[in-house]
Amino acid sequence: MKLAVQGFTFDLTKTPESIGITLNFEGPQPNHFGATVAAAQPMQSGSFVGDTRQGGSCNAQDVYLNPHCNGTHTESISHIIDELLAPHEVIKQALVLAQVVTVKPEAGYTGTDRYQPVLENNDKIISKKNLTAVCKSIHTGVKALIIRTLPNDESKQSYQYGDEVQPPFFTNDAMKWLAKSTEIEHLLVDMPSVDRLCDDGLLSNHRLFWNVAAGCHQLKDSQYTHKTITEMAYIPQSIEDGIYLLNLQTPKLKLNAVPSHPVIYHPENN
């Protein structure tokens, strides 16, 4: 089956390419904000143990994880408001046109962009100038923006983000431009958060993307409830900047953020 979208043709019979991080419960895994490591252990109920290696009749595991901190995840506006809209309720289209762009965050930024709380000398940021430069040719009909940051080695899939590894983030000016001046509904990034690791709880970029006023935790008509943010993705170097077809796969869990598996279809040569 082939699908034509805005002048691009995609063969849906071909295997799409994953841009999600495999969460290995028995090996290295990414971590953010000092969260407990994701874990899986055999279910136990009475004399039953869910492990064939321990004499059980089948394998059944209890799983512990924090979607926001233990791997690739997709979140809705409910990350910052009281009302609960799960990601699967927000995502209305199974397939959307997406564009991959690559940007190199700036260290020791001296420009005029601002952030709340104020920027510090050691911050690595994606400025409005950075972002508009790589997004200057966003194709008509693109609803999902996939941002790869440099450097981009494979170790990014198991980074322990914290004091020793501070991830980059957007300036408020960059996020305001993205939210107000583009048609992007689904933002996918390879950082663990679009905001600074420690931001005094302001989440100013999240609020700009969803158009939620500072300090507000109530659902309002003016907010962008149709948008999602996917964080801690991983876009291999083999994937070139350009146009793709995105399938943002999320489970039907009634949560503000869920583990997710974004996959992309490569376009045929047109």
C-alpha atoms as a PDB file:
ATOM      1  CA  MET A   1       0.000   0.000   0.000  1.00  0.00           C
ATOM      2  CA  LYS A   2       1.326   3.416  -0.963  1.00  0.00           C
ATOM      3  CA  LEU A   3       0.281   6.758   0.467  1.00  0.00           C
ATOM      4  CA  ALA A   4       0.794  10.127  -1.216  1.00  0.00           C
ATOM      5  CA  VAL A   5       1.094  13.147   1.090  1.00  0.00           C
ATOM      6  CA  GLN A   6       1.931  16.687  -0.052  1.00  0.00           C
ATOM      7  CA  GLY A   7       3.893  15.471  -3.068  1.00  0.00           C
ATOM      8  CA  PHE A   8       5.707  12.645  -1.251  1.00  0.00           C
ATOM      9  CA  THR A   9       4.959   8.949  -1.658  1.00  0.00           C
ATOM     10  CA  PHE A  10       5.407   6.436   1.161  1.00  0.00           C
ATOM     11  CA  ASP A  11       5.294   2.633   0.880  1.00  0.00           C
ATOM     12  CA  LEU A  12       3.477   1.462   4.016  1.00  0.00           C
ATOM     13  CA  THR A  13       4.355  -2.179   3.288  1.00  0.00           C
ATOM     14  CA  LYS A  14       7.989  -1.426   4.132  1.00  0.00           C
ATOM     15  CA  THR A  15       9.247  -1.642   7.699  1.00  0.00           C
ATOM     16  CA  PRO A  16       9.425   1.811   9.303  1.00  0.00           C
ATOM     17  CA  GLU A  17      12.498   2.964  11.213  1.00  0.00           C
ATOM     18  CA  SER A  18      12.363   3.438  14.963  1.00  0.00           C
ATOM     19  CA  ILE A  19      13.458   6.687  16.580  1.00  0.00           C
ATOM     20  CA  GLY A  20      12.644   5.479  20.091  1.00  0.00           C
ATOM     21  CA  ILE A  21      15.100   4.174  22.674  1.00  0.00           C
ATOM     22  CA  THR A  22      14.796   0.497  23.596  1.00  0.00           C
ATOM     23  CA  LEU A  23      14.251   0.351  27.360  1.00  0.00           C
ATOM     24  CA  ASN A  24      16.464  -2.489  28.596  1.00  0.00           C
ATOM     25  CA  PHE A  25      15.373  -3.579  32.063  1.00  0.00           C
ATOM     26  CA  GLU A  26      18.518  -5.681  32.477  1.00  0.00           C
ATOM     27  CA  GLY A  27      21.102  -3.353  30.986  1.00  0.00           C
ATOM     28  CA  PRO A  28      22.058   0.283  30.384  1.00  0.00           C
ATOM     29  CA  GLN A  29      19.128   2.675  30.126  1.00  0.00           C
ATOM     30  CA  PRO A  30      18.710   6.446  30.038  1.00  0.00           C
ATOM     31  CA  ASN A  31      17.746   8.305  33.180  1.00  0.00           C
ATOM     32  CA  HIS A  32      16.631  11.824  33.970  1.00  0.00           C
ATOM     33  CA  PHE A  33      16.266  13.876  37.131  1.00  0.00           C
ATOM     34  CA  GLY A  34      17.638  11.121  39.405  1.00  0.00           C
ATOM     35  CA  ALA A  35      14.585   8.901  38.952  1.00  0.00           C
ATOM     36  CA  THR A  36      14.513   5.306  40.135  1.00  0.00           C
ATOM     37  CA  VAL A  37      15.825   2.950  37.467  1.00  0.00           C
ATOM     38  CA  ALA A  38      13.108   1.199  35.440  1.00  0.00           C
ATOM     39  CA  ALA A  39      12.761  -2.389  36.656  1.00  0.00           C
ATOM     40  CA  ALA A  40      10.896  -5.611  35.852  1.00  0.00           C
ATOM     41  CA  GLN A  41      10.550  -8.599  38.158  1.00  0.00           C
ATOM     42  CA  PRO A  42       8.593 -11.872  38.126  1.00  0.00           C
ATOM     43  CA  MET A  43       5.018 -11.605  39.344  1.00  0.00           C
ATOM     44  CA  GLN A  44       4.304 -13.565  42.519  1.00  0.00           C
ATOM     45  CA  SER A  45       0.831 -14.651  43.673  1.00  0.00           C
ATOM     46  CA  GLY A  46       0.606 -17.343  46.319  1.00  0.00           C
ATOM     47  CA  SER A  47       2.730 -20.242  45.118  1.00  0.00           C
ATOM     48  CA  PHE A  48       2.846 -18.903  41.556  1.00  0.00           C
ATOM     49  CA  VAL A  49       5.997 -17.244  40.263  1.00  0.00           C
ATOM     50  CA  GLY A  50       6.003 -15.672  36.820  1.00  0.00           C
ATOM     51  CA  ASP A  51       9.387 -17.003  35.728  1.00  0.00           C
ATOM     52  CA  THR A  52       9.942 -20.272  33.872  1.00  0.00           C
ATOM     53  CA  ARG A  53      13.563 -20.264  35.080  1.00  0.00           C
ATOM     54  CA  GLN A  54      12.244 -20.457  38.635  1.00  0.00           C
ATOM     55  CA  GLY A  55       9.794 -23.247  37.887  1.00  0.00           C
ATOM     56  CA  GLY A  56       6.853 -21.108  36.828  1.00  0.00           C
ATOM     57  CA  SER A  57       4.529 -22.250  34.059  1.00  0.00           C
ATOM     58  CA  CYS A  58       4.980 -18.979  32.158  1.00  0.00           C
ATOM     59  CA  ASN A  59       6.722 -15.630  32.310  1.00  0.00           C
ATOM     60  CA  ALA A  60       4.760 -12.694  33.751  1.00  0.00           C
ATOM     61  CA  GLN A  61       6.452  -9.595  35.102  1.00  0.00           C
ATOM     62  CA  ASP A  62       5.580  -6.624  37.252  1.00  0.00           C
ATOM     63  CA  VAL A  63       7.079  -3.481  35.736  1.00  0.00           C
ATOM     64  CA  TYR A  64       8.113  -0.223  37.429  1.00  0.00           C
ATOM     65  CA  LEU A  65       8.992   2.862  35.431  1.00  0.00           C
ATOM     66  CA  ASN A  66       8.554   6.603  35.332  1.00  0.00           C
ATOM     67  CA  PRO A  67       7.571   7.533  31.759  1.00  0.00           C
ATOM     68  CA  HIS A  68       9.016  11.038  32.073  1.00  0.00           C
ATOM     69  CA  CYS A  69      12.449   9.867  33.186  1.00  0.00           C
ATOM     70  CA  ASN A  70      13.109   6.301  32.033  1.00  0.00           C
ATOM     71  CA  GLY A  71      13.115   6.503  28.239  1.00  0.00           C
ATOM     72  CA  THR A  72      11.282   7.715  25.158  1.00  0.00           C
ATOM     73  CA  HIS A  73       7.914   9.128  26.176  1.00  0.00           C
ATOM     74  CA  THR A  74       5.069  11.261  24.863  1.00  0.00           C
ATOM     75  CA  GLU A  75       3.234  13.764  27.021  1.00  0.00           C
ATOM     76  CA  SER A  76       0.088  15.811  26.679  1.00  0.00           C
ATOM     77  CA  ILE A  77      -0.861  19.198  28.081  1.00  0.00           C
ATOM     78  CA  SER A  78      -1.901  17.323  31.247  1.00  0.00           C
ATOM     79  CA  HIS A  79       1.773  17.312  32.230  1.00  0.00           C
ATOM     80  CA  ILE A  80       1.157  20.822  33.541  1.00  0.00           C
ATOM     81  CA  ILE A  81      -2.609  21.125  34.189  1.00  0.00           C
ATOM     82  CA  ASP A  82      -5.049  19.412  36.559  1.00  0.00           C
ATOM     83  CA  GLU A  83      -7.398  17.867  33.979  1.00  0.00           C
ATOM     84  CA  LEU A  84      -6.288  14.572  32.474  1.00  0.00           C
ATOM     85  CA  LEU A  85      -6.022  14.187  28.697  1.00  0.00           C
ATOM     86  CA  ALA A  86      -4.009  11.084  27.869  1.00  0.00           C
ATOM     87  CA  PRO A  87      -1.696  11.185  24.826  1.00  0.00           C
ATOM     88  CA  HIS A  88      -3.745   8.547  22.984  1.00  0.00           C
ATOM     89  CA  GLU A  89      -6.778  10.844  23.306  1.00  0.00           C
ATOM     90  CA  VAL A  90      -4.860  13.759  21.838  1.00  0.00           C
ATOM     91  CA  ILE A  91      -3.296  12.039  18.826  1.00  0.00           C
ATOM     92  CA  LYS A  92      -6.041  12.018  16.191  1.00  0.00           C
ATOM     93  CA  GLN A  93      -4.069  10.899  13.131  1.00  0.00           C
ATOM     94  CA  ALA A  94      -2.134   7.643  12.929  1.00  0.00           C
ATOM     95  CA  LEU A  95       0.181   9.026  10.244  1.00  0.00           C
ATOM     96  CA  VAL A  96       1.414  12.615   9.936  1.00  0.00           C
ATOM     97  CA  LEU A  97       3.984  14.305   7.744  1.00  0.00           C
ATOM     98  CA  ALA A  98       7.168  14.936   9.718  1.00  0.00           C
ATOM     99  CA  GLN A  99      10.437  16.733   9.171  1.00  0.00           C
ATOM    100  CA  VAL A 100      13.794  15.834  10.729  1.00  0.00           C
ATOM    101  CA  VAL A 101      16.200  18.706  11.441  1.00  0.00           C
ATOM    102  CA  THR A 102      19.589  18.724  13.131  1.00  0.00           C
ATOM    103  CA  VAL A 103      20.790  21.511  15.389  1.00  0.00           C
ATOM    104  CA  LYS A 104      23.931  22.131  17.433  1.00  0.00           C
ATOM    105  CA  PRO A 105      23.117  23.680  20.827  1.00  0.00           C
ATOM    106  CA  GLU A 106      25.140  26.712  21.870  1.00  0.00           C
ATOM    107  CA  ALA A 107      27.243  26.868  25.024  1.00  0.00           C
ATOM    108  CA  GLY A 108      28.076  30.179  26.671  1.00  0.00           C
ATOM    109  CA  TYR A 109      25.252  31.920  24.811  1.00  0.00           C
ATOM    110  CA  THR A 110      25.617  35.711  24.602  1.00  0.00           C
ATOM    111  CA  GLY A 111      22.642  36.609  22.393  1.00  0.00           C
ATOM    112  CA  THR A 112      19.402  38.338  23.277  1.00  0.00           C
ATOM    113  CA  ASP A 113      17.132  35.294  23.742  1.00  0.00           C
ATOM    114  CA  ARG A 114      15.622  34.870  27.190  1.00  0.00           C
ATOM    115  CA  TYR A 115      14.550  31.994  29.411  1.00  0.00           C
ATOM    116  CA  GLN A 116      12.674  31.680  32.704  1.00  0.00           C
ATOM    117  CA  PRO A 117      14.477  31.180  35.014  1.00  0.00           C
ATOM    118  CA  VAL A 118      17.374  33.251  33.705  1.00  0.00           C
ATOM    119  CA  LEU A 119      20.058  31.608  31.567  1.00  0.00           C
ATOM    120  CA  GLU A 120      23.344  30.608  33.169  1.00  0.00           C
ATOM    121  CA  ASN A 121      26.814  30.544  31.615  1.00  0.00           C
ATOM    122  CA  ASN A 122      27.022  26.742  31.472  1.00  0.00           C
ATOM    123  CA  ASP A 123      23.622  26.280  29.804  1.00  0.00           C
ATOM    124  CA  LYS A 124      23.572  24.652  26.379  1.00  0.00           C
ATOM    125  CA  ILE A 125      20.684  26.154  24.490  1.00  0.00           C
ATOM    126  CA  ILE A 126      18.795  26.031  21.223  1.00  0.00           C
ATOM    127  CA  SER A 127      18.184  29.674  20.384  1.00  0.00           C
ATOM    128  CA  LYS A 128      15.546  31.109  18.087  1.00  0.00           C
ATOM    129  CA  LYS A 129      18.304  31.839  15.563  1.00  0.00           C
ATOM    130  CA  ASN A 130      19.481  28.199  15.713  1.00  0.00           C
ATOM    131  CA  LEU A 131      15.971  26.857  15.335  1.00  0.00           C
ATOM    132  CA  THR A 132      14.762  29.142  12.568  1.00  0.00           C
ATOM    133  CA  ALA A 133      17.941  28.468  10.584  1.00  0.00           C
ATOM    134  CA  VAL A 134      17.283  24.712  10.419  1.00  0.00           C
ATOM    135  CA  CYS A 135      13.509  25.162  10.082  1.00  0.00           C
ATOM    136  CA  LYS A 136      13.537  27.833   7.391  1.00  0.00           C
ATOM    137  CA  SER A 137      12.255  25.355   4.835  1.00  0.00           C
ATOM    138  CA  ILE A 138       9.580  23.488   6.794  1.00  0.00           C
ATOM    139  CA  HIS A 139       7.557  21.765   4.092  1.00  0.00           C
ATOM    140  CA  THR A 140       3.864  22.515   3.591  1.00  0.00           C
ATOM    141  CA  GLY A 141       1.706  20.094   5.557  1.00  0.00           C
ATOM    142  CA  VAL A 142       4.361  19.095   8.102  1.00  0.00           C
ATOM    143  CA  LYS A 143       2.678  18.539  11.489  1.00  0.00           C
ATOM    144  CA  ALA A 144       5.550  16.898  13.378  1.00  0.00           C
ATOM    145  CA  LEU A 145       9.027  18.310  13.937  1.00  0.00           C
ATOM    146  CA  ILE A 146      11.769  15.858  14.918  1.00  0.00           C
ATOM    147  CA  ILE A 147      14.842  17.575  16.348  1.00  0.00           C
ATOM    148  CA  ARG A 148      18.233  15.854  16.565  1.00  0.00           C
ATOM    149  CA  THR A 149      20.898  17.617  18.626  1.00  0.00           C
ATOM    150  CA  LEU A 150      24.663  17.374  18.203  1.00  0.00           C
ATOM    151  CA  PRO A 151      26.755  15.579  19.280  1.00  0.00           C
ATOM    152  CA  ASN A 152      24.707  12.469  18.514  1.00  0.00           C
ATOM    153  CA  ASP A 153      26.703   9.349  19.354  1.00  0.00           C
ATOM    154  CA  GLU A 154      24.920   6.142  20.374  1.00  0.00           C
ATOM    155  CA  SER A 155      25.796   6.629  24.062  1.00  0.00           C
ATOM    156  CA  LYS A 156      22.973   9.190  24.137  1.00  0.00           C
ATOM    157  CA  GLN A 157      20.622   6.211  24.461  1.00  0.00           C
ATOM    158  CA  SER A 158      21.883   5.527  27.998  1.00  0.00           C
ATOM    159  CA  TYR A 159      22.849   8.975  29.303  1.00  0.00           C
ATOM    160  CA  GLN A 160      22.414   9.554  33.021  1.00  0.00           C
ATOM    161  CA  TYR A 161      21.203  13.139  32.892  1.00  0.00           C
ATOM    162  CA  GLY A 162      22.077  15.120  35.990  1.00  0.00           C
ATOM    163  CA  ASP A 163      24.818  17.351  37.372  1.00  0.00           C
ATOM    164  CA  GLU A 164      27.494  15.609  35.295  1.00  0.00           C
ATOM    165  CA  VAL A 165      25.464  15.473  32.069  1.00  0.00           C
ATOM    166  CA  GLN A 166      23.352  18.598  31.634  1.00  0.00           C
ATOM    167  CA  PRO A 167      21.089  18.310  28.591  1.00  0.00           C
ATOM    168  CA  PRO A 168      20.450  21.221  26.223  1.00  0.00           C
ATOM    169  CA  PHE A 169      17.091  22.998  26.089  1.00  0.00           C
ATOM    170  CA  PHE A 170      15.257  25.682  24.129  1.00  0.00           C
ATOM    171  CA  THR A 171      15.208  29.369  24.903  1.00  0.00           C
ATOM    172  CA  ASN A 172      11.740  30.804  25.477  1.00  0.00           C
ATOM    173  CA  ASP A 173      12.123  32.830  22.281  1.00  0.00           C
ATOM    174  CA  ALA A 174      12.775  29.661  20.264  1.00  0.00           C
ATOM    175  CA  MET A 175       9.812  27.839  21.767  1.00  0.00           C
ATOM    176  CA  LYS A 176       7.505  30.823  21.349  1.00  0.00           C
ATOM    177  CA  TRP A 177       8.411  30.988  17.654  1.00  0.00           C
ATOM    178  CA  LEU A 178       7.796  27.253  17.238  1.00  0.00           C
ATOM    179  CA  ALA A 179       4.436  27.364  19.037  1.00  0.00           C
ATOM    180  CA  LYS A 180       3.094  30.569  17.491  1.00  0.00           C
ATOM    181  CA  SER A 181       4.633  30.743  14.024  1.00  0.00           C
ATOM    182  CA  THR A 182       4.449  27.157  12.727  1.00  0.00           C
ATOM    183  CA  GLU A 183       1.787  24.490  12.232  1.00  0.00           C
ATOM    184  CA  ILE A 184       3.710  21.949  14.312  1.00  0.00           C
ATOM    185  CA  GLU A 185       1.410  19.823  16.480  1.00  0.00           C
ATOM    186  CA  HIS A 186       3.854  17.122  17.565  1.00  0.00           C
ATOM    187  CA  LEU A 187       7.335  18.041  18.769  1.00  0.00           C
ATOM    188  CA  LEU A 188       9.859  15.209  19.115  1.00  0.00           C
ATOM    189  CA  VAL A 189      13.276  15.850  20.664  1.00  0.00           C
ATOM    190  CA  ASP A 190      16.228  13.737  21.742  1.00  0.00           C
ATOM    191  CA  MET A 191      16.663  15.662  25.001  1.00  0.00           C
ATOM    192  CA  PRO A 192      14.927  14.459  28.195  1.00  0.00           C
ATOM    193  CA  SER A 193      13.038  17.746  28.445  1.00  0.00           C
ATOM    194  CA  VAL A 194      12.376  20.862  26.402  1.00  0.00           C
ATOM    195  CA  ASP A 195      13.094  22.776  29.611  1.00  0.00           C
ATOM    196  CA  ARG A 196      16.216  23.036  31.759  1.00  0.00           C
ATOM    197  CA  LEU A 197      16.892  20.089  34.064  1.00  0.00           C
ATOM    198  CA  CYS A 198      16.451  22.328  37.118  1.00  0.00           C
ATOM    199  CA  ASP A 199      14.148  25.226  36.270  1.00  0.00           C
ATOM    200  CA  ASP A 200      12.553  26.107  39.615  1.00  0.00           C
ATOM    201  CA  GLY A 201       9.442  24.225  38.536  1.00  0.00           C
ATOM    202  CA  LEU A 202       8.449  26.866  35.980  1.00  0.00           C
ATOM    203  CA  LEU A 203       8.361  24.603  32.875  1.00  0.00           C
ATOM    204  CA  SER A 204       8.249  27.776  30.831  1.00  0.00           C
ATOM    205  CA  ASN A 205       8.841  26.079  27.466  1.00  0.00           C
ATOM    206  CA  HIS A 206       6.161  23.458  28.095  1.00  0.00           C
ATOM    207  CA  ARG A 207       3.770  26.289  28.921  1.00  0.00           C
ATOM    208  CA  LEU A 208       4.648  28.195  25.764  1.00  0.00           C
ATOM    209  CA  PHE A 209       4.179  25.142  23.554  1.00  0.00           C
ATOM    210  CA  TRP A 210       0.730  24.445  24.999  1.00  0.00           C
ATOM    211  CA  ASN A 211      -0.141  28.142  25.490  1.00  0.00           C
ATOM    212  CA  VAL A 212      -0.659  27.763  29.233  1.00  0.00           C
ATOM    213  CA  ALA A 213      -0.078  30.903  31.296  1.00  0.00           C
ATOM    214  CA  ALA A 214       2.517  30.913  34.066  1.00  0.00           C
ATOM    215  CA  GLY A 215       1.053  29.522  37.280  1.00  0.00           C
ATOM    216  CA  CYS A 216      -2.098  28.224  35.578  1.00  0.00           C
ATOM    217  CA  HIS A 217      -3.086  24.581  36.138  1.00  0.00           C
ATOM    218  CA  GLN A 218      -6.626  24.697  34.758  1.00  0.00           C
ATOM    219  CA  LEU A 219      -7.844  23.706  31.296  1.00  0.00           C
ATOM    220  CA  LYS A 220      -8.860  26.689  29.126  1.00  0.00           C
ATOM    221  CA  ASP A 221     -10.203  27.034  25.585  1.00  0.00           C
ATOM    222  CA  SER A 222      -7.194  29.098  24.490  1.00  0.00           C
ATOM    223  CA  GLN A 223      -4.722  26.305  25.221  1.00  0.00           C
ATOM    224  CA  TYR A 224      -3.258  24.003  22.549  1.00  0.00           C
ATOM    225  CA  THR A 225      -4.691  20.716  23.774  1.00  0.00           C
ATOM    226  CA  HIS A 226      -4.147  19.017  20.393  1.00  0.00           C
ATOM    227  CA  LYS A 227      -0.353  19.132  20.694  1.00  0.00           C
ATOM    228  CA  THR A 228       2.093  16.579  22.132  1.00  0.00           C
ATOM    229  CA  ILE A 229       5.735  16.605  23.161  1.00  0.00           C
ATOM    230  CA  THR A 230       7.866  13.486  22.798  1.00  0.00           C
ATOM    231  CA  GLU A 231      11.155  13.549  24.684  1.00  0.00           C
ATOM    232  CA  MET A 232      14.226  11.312  24.882  1.00  0.00           C
ATOM    233  CA  ALA A 233      13.870  10.020  21.332  1.00  0.00           C
ATOM    234  CA  TYR A 234      16.985   8.949  19.450  1.00  0.00           C
ATOM    235  CA  ILE A 235      17.517   9.774  15.779  1.00  0.00           C
ATOM    236  CA  PRO A 236      20.447   7.759  14.364  1.00  0.00           C
ATOM    237  CA  GLN A 237      22.969   9.507  12.135  1.00  0.00           C
ATOM    238  CA  SER A 238      21.869   7.253   9.288  1.00  0.00           C
ATOM    239  CA  ILE A 239      18.585   9.169   9.131  1.00  0.00           C
ATOM    240  CA  GLU A 240      19.083  12.249   6.989  1.00  0.00           C
ATOM    241  CA  ASP A 241      17.415  15.576   7.578  1.00  0.00           C
ATOM    242  CA  GLY A 242      14.270  15.761   5.502  1.00  0.00           C
ATOM    243  CA  ILE A 243      10.672  14.630   5.118  1.00  0.00           C
ATOM    244  CA  TYR A 244       9.220  11.421   6.594  1.00  0.00           C
ATOM    245  CA  LEU A 245       5.867   9.970   7.592  1.00  0.00           C
ATOM    246  CA  LEU A 246       5.517   9.603  11.365  1.00  0.00           C
ATOM    247  CA  ASN A 247       3.529   7.010  13.280  1.00  0.00           C
ATOM    248  CA  LEU A 248       3.619   8.106  16.917  1.00  0.00           C
ATOM    249  CA  GLN A 249       2.675   4.922  18.751  1.00  0.00           C
ATOM    250  CA  THR A 250       1.317   5.290  22.295  1.00  0.00           C
ATOM    251  CA  PRO A 251      -0.466   2.805  24.592  1.00  0.00           C
ATOM    252  CA  LYS A 252      -3.977   3.448  25.907  1.00  0.00           C
ATOM    253  CA  LEU A 253      -2.861   4.375  29.405  1.00  0.00           C
ATOM    254  CA  LYS A 254      -4.772   7.095  31.247  1.00  0.00           C
ATOM    255  CA  LEU A 255      -1.675   9.103  32.169  1.00  0.00           C
ATOM    256  CA  ASN A 256      -0.264  12.528  31.314  1.00  0.00           C
ATOM    257  CA  ALA A 257       2.824  10.862  29.814  1.00  0.00           C
ATOM    258  CA  VAL A 258       3.333   7.357  28.468  1.00  0.00           C
ATOM    259  CA  PRO A 259       6.221   5.308  27.098  1.00  0.00           C
ATOM    260  CA  SER A 260       6.042   5.704  23.338  1.00  0.00           C
ATOM    261  CA  HIS A 261       7.483   4.296  20.145  1.00  0.00           C
ATOM    262  CA  PRO A 262       7.766   6.813  17.306  1.00  0.00           C
ATOM    263  CA  VAL A 263       8.567   5.237  13.923  1.00  0.00           C
ATOM    264  CA  ILE A 264       9.092   6.912  10.570  1.00  0.00           C
ATOM    265  CA  TYR A 265       8.591   5.836   6.971  1.00  0.00           C
ATOM    266  CA  HIS A 266      11.130   6.969   4.413  1.00  0.00           C
ATOM    267  CA  PRO A 267       9.749   8.604   1.274  1.00  0.00           C
ATOM    268  CA  GLU A 268      10.228   7.014  -2.103  1.00  0.00           C
ATOM    269  CA  ASN A 269      12.248   8.831  -4.728  1.00  0.00           C
ATOM    270  CA  ASN A 270       9.734  11.127  -6.332  1.00  0.00           C
END
